[in-house]
Amino acid sequence: MAFEYLVDLEECVSILENFYDLITEDRADWNHEGDIMLPARSVVELSRDDLTPGQSNVAENFDIYARQLPEYFNAFFSLDRARFDPATALDGWLYDQTKKEIARVPQDHWWWKLLEEPGDA
């Protein structure tokens, strides 16, 4: 599927690369870097066919790291999940092939959901 990028794909990949230091820190009210990570991750996933192998590795490493630290991931993105609307989450990021509609976040984008922590059953 073709998209119109409102934020450069390379910039979205770069945003994901900054994730590692941030997730283990307390997220202050003024820290808006987290606000852009989940939309950036969705843009990268929706653009999977356009990624270089190195960019694909960044996305895969983001996923591995997040799943290894679910308690930090859940805490860091708790506000983002509370405000999440799949119809508007990518507003200002990506439009569909008609260039009129905001791309919707697919249900299989697990990073918008609460991760199970080890021991939860």
N, C-alpha and C. Protein backbone atom coordinates (compact mmCIF):
# COMPACT_ATOMS: atom_id res chain seq x y z
N MET A 1 0.84 -1.17 0.00
CA MET A 1 0.00 0.00 0.00
C MET A 1 0.89 1.24 0.00
N ALA A 2 0.54 2.21 -0.80
CA ALA A 2 1.31 3.45 -0.87
C ALA A 2 0.78 4.44 0.17
N PHE A 3 1.71 5.18 0.75
CA PHE A 3 1.35 6.16 1.75
C PHE A 3 1.99 7.50 1.42
N GLU A 4 1.41 8.54 1.94
CA GLU A 4 2.02 9.86 1.90
C GLU A 4 2.58 10.12 3.29
N TYR A 5 3.88 10.28 3.37
CA TYR A 5 4.55 10.50 4.65
C TYR A 5 4.53 11.98 5.01
N LEU A 6 4.04 12.28 6.19
CA LEU A 6 4.12 13.65 6.69
C LEU A 6 5.33 13.80 7.60
N VAL A 7 5.82 12.69 8.10
CA VAL A 7 7.08 12.62 8.83
C VAL A 7 7.95 11.64 8.05
N ASP A 8 9.17 12.04 7.76
CA ASP A 8 10.08 11.23 6.97
C ASP A 8 10.28 9.85 7.59
N LEU A 9 10.29 8.82 6.78
CA LEU A 9 10.45 7.46 7.26
C LEU A 9 11.77 7.30 8.01
N GLU A 10 12.83 7.88 7.50
CA GLU A 10 14.13 7.80 8.18
C GLU A 10 14.07 8.44 9.57
N GLU A 11 13.32 9.51 9.69
CA GLU A 11 13.15 10.14 11.01
C GLU A 11 12.40 9.22 11.97
N CYS A 12 11.42 8.50 11.46
CA CYS A 12 10.68 7.54 12.30
C CYS A 12 11.61 6.45 12.81
N VAL A 13 12.49 5.96 11.95
CA VAL A 13 13.45 4.93 12.37
C VAL A 13 14.39 5.51 13.42
N SER A 14 14.82 6.74 13.23
CA SER A 14 15.71 7.40 14.19
C SER A 14 15.03 7.56 15.55
N ILE A 15 13.76 7.86 15.56
CA ILE A 15 12.99 7.98 16.81
C ILE A 15 13.05 6.65 17.56
N LEU A 16 12.90 5.55 16.86
CA LEU A 16 12.94 4.23 17.51
C LEU A 16 14.32 3.93 18.09
N GLU A 17 15.35 4.41 17.44
CA GLU A 17 16.70 4.17 17.94
C GLU A 17 16.95 4.86 19.28
N ASN A 18 16.20 5.92 19.58
CA ASN A 18 16.35 6.63 20.85
C ASN A 18 15.56 6.00 21.99
N PHE A 19 14.83 4.96 21.70
CA PHE A 19 13.95 4.31 22.66
C PHE A 19 14.69 3.67 23.82
N TYR A 20 15.84 3.13 23.59
CA TYR A 20 16.52 2.29 24.58
C TYR A 20 16.86 3.03 25.86
N ASP A 21 17.33 4.24 25.76
CA ASP A 21 17.66 4.99 26.97
C ASP A 21 16.41 5.49 27.69
N LEU A 22 15.41 5.84 26.95
CA LEU A 22 14.23 6.47 27.55
C LEU A 22 13.34 5.51 28.35
N ILE A 23 13.18 4.30 27.88
CA ILE A 23 12.18 3.42 28.47
C ILE A 23 12.46 3.10 29.93
N THR A 24 13.70 3.10 30.35
CA THR A 24 14.01 2.74 31.73
C THR A 24 14.05 3.96 32.66
N GLU A 25 13.75 5.14 32.12
CA GLU A 25 13.69 6.35 32.93
C GLU A 25 12.25 6.64 33.30
N ASP A 26 12.06 7.34 34.41
CA ASP A 26 10.72 7.81 34.74
C ASP A 26 10.33 8.85 33.70
N ARG A 27 9.11 8.77 33.25
CA ARG A 27 8.66 9.70 32.20
C ARG A 27 8.00 10.90 32.86
N ALA A 28 8.68 12.02 32.81
CA ALA A 28 8.15 13.25 33.38
C ALA A 28 7.07 13.82 32.46
N ASP A 29 6.21 14.64 33.02
CA ASP A 29 5.14 15.25 32.24
C ASP A 29 5.67 16.02 31.03
N TRP A 30 6.86 16.58 31.17
CA TRP A 30 7.41 17.39 30.09
C TRP A 30 8.10 16.55 29.03
N ASN A 31 8.30 15.27 29.28
CA ASN A 31 9.01 14.42 28.33
C ASN A 31 8.05 13.97 27.23
N HIS A 32 8.14 14.63 26.11
CA HIS A 32 7.23 14.32 25.01
C HIS A 32 7.85 13.39 23.98
N GLU A 33 9.10 12.97 24.21
CA GLU A 33 9.72 12.04 23.26
C GLU A 33 8.93 10.74 23.17
N GLY A 34 8.38 10.32 24.28
CA GLY A 34 7.57 9.10 24.27
C GLY A 34 6.31 9.24 23.44
N ASP A 35 5.79 10.45 23.33
CA ASP A 35 4.57 10.69 22.57
C ASP A 35 4.71 10.33 21.10
N ILE A 36 5.93 10.36 20.61
CA ILE A 36 6.14 10.13 19.18
C ILE A 36 6.62 8.72 18.85
N MET A 37 6.94 7.94 19.87
CA MET A 37 7.51 6.62 19.60
C MET A 37 6.51 5.62 19.06
N LEU A 38 5.34 5.54 19.65
CA LEU A 38 4.36 4.55 19.18
C LEU A 38 3.86 4.89 17.77
N PRO A 39 3.55 6.16 17.47
CA PRO A 39 3.20 6.46 16.08
C PRO A 39 4.35 6.17 15.12
N ALA A 40 5.59 6.48 15.53
CA ALA A 40 6.74 6.19 14.67
C ALA A 40 6.85 4.70 14.42
N ARG A 41 6.63 3.89 15.45
CA ARG A 41 6.71 2.43 15.28
C ARG A 41 5.64 1.96 14.31
N SER A 42 4.44 2.52 14.38
CA SER A 42 3.38 2.13 13.45
C SER A 42 3.71 2.55 12.02
N VAL A 43 4.26 3.74 11.85
CA VAL A 43 4.65 4.19 10.50
C VAL A 43 5.69 3.24 9.92
N VAL A 44 6.68 2.88 10.73
CA VAL A 44 7.72 1.97 10.26
C VAL A 44 7.11 0.63 9.86
N GLU A 45 6.20 0.12 10.66
CA GLU A 45 5.59 -1.18 10.34
C GLU A 45 4.73 -1.09 9.07
N LEU A 46 3.97 -0.05 8.94
CA LEU A 46 3.13 0.11 7.75
C LEU A 46 3.98 0.32 6.49
N SER A 47 5.22 0.71 6.67
CA SER A 47 6.13 0.97 5.56
C SER A 47 7.15 -0.15 5.39
N ARG A 48 6.89 -1.30 5.96
CA ARG A 48 7.84 -2.42 5.99
C ARG A 48 8.45 -2.70 4.62
N ASP A 49 7.66 -2.62 3.56
CA ASP A 49 8.17 -2.92 2.21
C ASP A 49 9.19 -1.90 1.72
N ASP A 50 9.18 -0.71 2.30
CA ASP A 50 10.08 0.36 1.88
C ASP A 50 11.35 0.45 2.72
N LEU A 51 11.47 -0.40 3.75
CA LEU A 51 12.60 -0.32 4.67
C LEU A 51 13.85 -0.99 4.10
N THR A 52 14.99 -0.44 4.46
CA THR A 52 16.26 -1.11 4.17
C THR A 52 16.43 -2.22 5.21
N PRO A 53 17.33 -3.16 4.99
CA PRO A 53 17.57 -4.19 6.01
C PRO A 53 17.97 -3.58 7.37
N GLY A 54 18.75 -2.52 7.36
CA GLY A 54 19.15 -1.87 8.61
C GLY A 54 17.97 -1.26 9.34
N GLN A 55 17.06 -0.66 8.60
CA GLN A 55 15.86 -0.07 9.21
C GLN A 55 14.95 -1.16 9.77
N SER A 56 14.85 -2.27 9.06
CA SER A 56 14.06 -3.40 9.57
C SER A 56 14.65 -3.92 10.88
N ASN A 57 15.97 -3.95 10.96
CA ASN A 57 16.62 -4.39 12.19
C ASN A 57 16.31 -3.48 13.36
N VAL A 58 16.23 -2.17 13.11
CA VAL A 58 15.88 -1.23 14.18
C VAL A 58 14.49 -1.56 14.73
N ALA A 59 13.54 -1.80 13.84
CA ALA A 59 12.18 -2.14 14.27
C ALA A 59 12.17 -3.45 15.06
N GLU A 60 12.88 -4.45 14.57
CA GLU A 60 12.93 -5.74 15.26
C GLU A 60 13.59 -5.61 16.62
N ASN A 61 14.65 -4.82 16.72
CA ASN A 61 15.32 -4.63 18.00
C ASN A 61 14.45 -3.87 18.99
N PHE A 62 13.67 -2.90 18.50
CA PHE A 62 12.69 -2.21 19.34
C PHE A 62 11.73 -3.21 19.96
N ASP A 63 11.21 -4.10 19.11
CA ASP A 63 10.24 -5.10 19.56
C ASP A 63 10.84 -6.04 20.60
N ILE A 64 12.04 -6.52 20.34
CA ILE A 64 12.69 -7.45 21.26
C ILE A 64 12.92 -6.77 22.61
N TYR A 65 13.45 -5.56 22.57
CA TYR A 65 13.77 -4.83 23.80
C TYR A 65 12.50 -4.55 24.61
N ALA A 66 11.46 -4.11 23.93
CA ALA A 66 10.20 -3.81 24.62
C ALA A 66 9.63 -5.06 25.29
N ARG A 67 9.67 -6.17 24.60
CA ARG A 67 9.10 -7.40 25.15
C ARG A 67 9.95 -7.97 26.28
N GLN A 68 11.23 -7.61 26.32
CA GLN A 68 12.09 -8.06 27.42
C GLN A 68 11.85 -7.24 28.69
N LEU A 69 11.30 -6.05 28.56
CA LEU A 69 11.09 -5.15 29.70
C LEU A 69 9.64 -4.67 29.76
N PRO A 70 8.69 -5.60 29.86
CA PRO A 70 7.29 -5.18 29.79
C PRO A 70 6.87 -4.22 30.89
N GLU A 71 7.44 -4.36 32.09
CA GLU A 71 7.04 -3.45 33.17
C GLU A 71 7.44 -2.01 32.86
N TYR A 72 8.61 -1.81 32.28
CA TYR A 72 9.04 -0.47 31.89
C TYR A 72 8.23 0.04 30.70
N PHE A 73 8.02 -0.83 29.72
CA PHE A 73 7.26 -0.47 28.53
C PHE A 73 5.85 -0.04 28.92
N ASN A 74 5.20 -0.83 29.76
CA ASN A 74 3.82 -0.52 30.18
C ASN A 74 3.75 0.80 30.93
N ALA A 75 4.68 1.04 31.83
CA ALA A 75 4.68 2.28 32.60
C ALA A 75 4.97 3.48 31.70
N PHE A 76 5.96 3.35 30.84
CA PHE A 76 6.38 4.48 30.01
C PHE A 76 5.27 4.92 29.07
N PHE A 77 4.51 3.99 28.51
CA PHE A 77 3.50 4.33 27.52
C PHE A 77 2.07 4.29 28.07
N SER A 78 1.89 4.32 29.37
CA SER A 78 0.54 4.22 29.94
C SER A 78 -0.38 5.34 29.48
N LEU A 79 0.11 6.57 29.44
CA LEU A 79 -0.72 7.69 28.98
C LEU A 79 -1.05 7.59 27.50
N ASP A 80 -0.10 7.12 26.72
CA ASP A 80 -0.33 6.97 25.28
C ASP A 80 -1.43 5.96 25.01
N ARG A 81 -1.41 4.86 25.75
CA ARG A 81 -2.46 3.84 25.57
C ARG A 81 -3.81 4.37 26.02
N ALA A 82 -3.84 5.16 27.08
CA ALA A 82 -5.11 5.71 27.58
C ALA A 82 -5.74 6.66 26.56
N ARG A 83 -4.93 7.36 25.80
CA ARG A 83 -5.44 8.33 24.82
C ARG A 83 -5.57 7.73 23.43
N PHE A 84 -5.22 6.49 23.26
CA PHE A 84 -5.14 5.86 21.95
C PHE A 84 -6.48 5.76 21.25
N ASP A 85 -6.50 6.23 20.01
CA ASP A 85 -7.64 6.07 19.11
C ASP A 85 -7.05 5.63 17.77
N PRO A 86 -7.32 4.40 17.33
CA PRO A 86 -6.69 3.90 16.11
C PRO A 86 -7.01 4.74 14.87
N ALA A 87 -8.10 5.48 14.92
CA ALA A 87 -8.48 6.30 13.77
C ALA A 87 -7.68 7.60 13.68
N THR A 88 -7.15 8.06 14.79
CA THR A 88 -6.47 9.36 14.79
C THR A 88 -5.02 9.31 15.26
N ALA A 89 -4.54 8.17 15.71
CA ALA A 89 -3.20 8.08 16.29
C ALA A 89 -2.10 8.47 15.31
N LEU A 90 -2.34 8.31 14.02
CA LEU A 90 -1.31 8.64 13.03
C LEU A 90 -1.58 9.97 12.32
N ASP A 91 -2.49 10.76 12.88
CA ASP A 91 -2.76 12.09 12.34
C ASP A 91 -1.48 12.91 12.38
N GLY A 92 -1.11 13.47 11.27
CA GLY A 92 0.12 14.24 11.18
C GLY A 92 1.34 13.40 10.86
N TRP A 93 1.14 12.10 10.72
CA TRP A 93 2.24 11.18 10.44
C TRP A 93 2.14 10.55 9.05
N LEU A 94 0.97 10.03 8.72
CA LEU A 94 0.85 9.19 7.54
C LEU A 94 -0.59 9.21 7.02
N TYR A 95 -0.72 9.37 5.71
CA TYR A 95 -2.02 9.28 5.07
C TYR A 95 -2.04 8.08 4.14
N ASP A 96 -3.24 7.58 3.88
CA ASP A 96 -3.35 6.40 3.02
C ASP A 96 -3.13 6.79 1.56
N GLN A 97 -3.30 5.82 0.68
CA GLN A 97 -3.00 6.02 -0.73
C GLN A 97 -3.88 7.09 -1.39
N THR A 98 -5.04 7.39 -0.83
CA THR A 98 -5.88 8.44 -1.40
C THR A 98 -5.36 9.82 -1.03
N LYS A 99 -4.47 9.86 -0.04
CA LYS A 99 -3.88 11.10 0.47
C LYS A 99 -4.94 12.00 1.09
N LYS A 100 -6.06 11.41 1.45
CA LYS A 100 -7.14 12.18 2.09
C LYS A 100 -7.46 11.66 3.47
N GLU A 101 -7.22 10.39 3.72
CA GLU A 101 -7.57 9.76 4.97
C GLU A 101 -6.33 9.44 5.79
N ILE A 102 -6.41 9.67 7.07
CA ILE A 102 -5.32 9.28 7.97
C ILE A 102 -5.24 7.77 7.97
N ALA A 103 -4.04 7.24 7.89
CA ALA A 103 -3.88 5.79 7.99
C ALA A 103 -4.31 5.35 9.39
N ARG A 104 -5.08 4.28 9.47
CA ARG A 104 -5.52 3.73 10.76
C ARG A 104 -4.46 2.78 11.30
N VAL A 105 -4.38 2.70 12.61
CA VAL A 105 -3.47 1.76 13.25
C VAL A 105 -4.13 0.38 13.23
N PRO A 106 -3.52 -0.61 12.59
CA PRO A 106 -4.09 -1.95 12.58
C PRO A 106 -4.09 -2.59 13.96
N GLN A 107 -5.00 -3.52 14.18
CA GLN A 107 -5.11 -4.18 15.49
C GLN A 107 -3.89 -5.00 15.84
N ASP A 108 -3.13 -5.44 14.85
CA ASP A 108 -1.96 -6.27 15.15
C ASP A 108 -0.73 -5.45 15.58
N HIS A 109 -0.86 -4.15 15.71
CA HIS A 109 0.24 -3.32 16.22
C HIS A 109 0.23 -3.40 17.74
N TRP A 110 0.86 -4.44 18.26
CA TRP A 110 0.82 -4.80 19.68
C TRP A 110 1.39 -3.72 20.59
N TRP A 111 2.26 -2.86 20.11
CA TRP A 111 2.91 -1.85 20.96
C TRP A 111 1.94 -0.82 21.50
N TRP A 112 0.73 -0.77 20.96
CA TRP A 112 -0.30 0.13 21.50
C TRP A 112 -1.07 -0.50 22.65
N LYS A 113 -0.75 -1.74 22.96
CA LYS A 113 -1.49 -2.48 24.00
C LYS A 113 -0.60 -2.73 25.21
N LEU A 114 -1.22 -3.05 26.31
CA LEU A 114 -0.52 -3.41 27.53
C LEU A 114 0.17 -4.76 27.31
N LEU A 115 1.45 -4.81 27.65
CA LEU A 115 2.18 -6.08 27.51
C LEU A 115 2.02 -6.90 28.78
N GLU A 116 1.93 -8.20 28.61
CA GLU A 116 1.88 -9.07 29.79
C GLU A 116 3.25 -9.10 30.42
N GLU A 117 3.25 -9.03 31.75
CA GLU A 117 4.51 -9.10 32.47
C GLU A 117 4.75 -10.53 32.89
N PRO A 118 6.02 -10.92 33.03
CA PRO A 118 6.32 -12.29 33.47
C PRO A 118 5.60 -12.60 34.78
N GLY A 119 5.01 -13.75 34.85
CA GLY A 119 4.28 -14.13 36.05
C GLY A 119 2.78 -13.85 35.95
N ASP A 120 2.36 -13.01 34.99
CA ASP A 120 0.94 -12.78 34.80
C ASP A 120 0.35 -13.97 34.05
N ALA A 121 -0.78 -14.40 34.49
CA ALA A 121 -1.42 -15.50 33.77
C ALA A 121 -2.91 -15.40 33.85
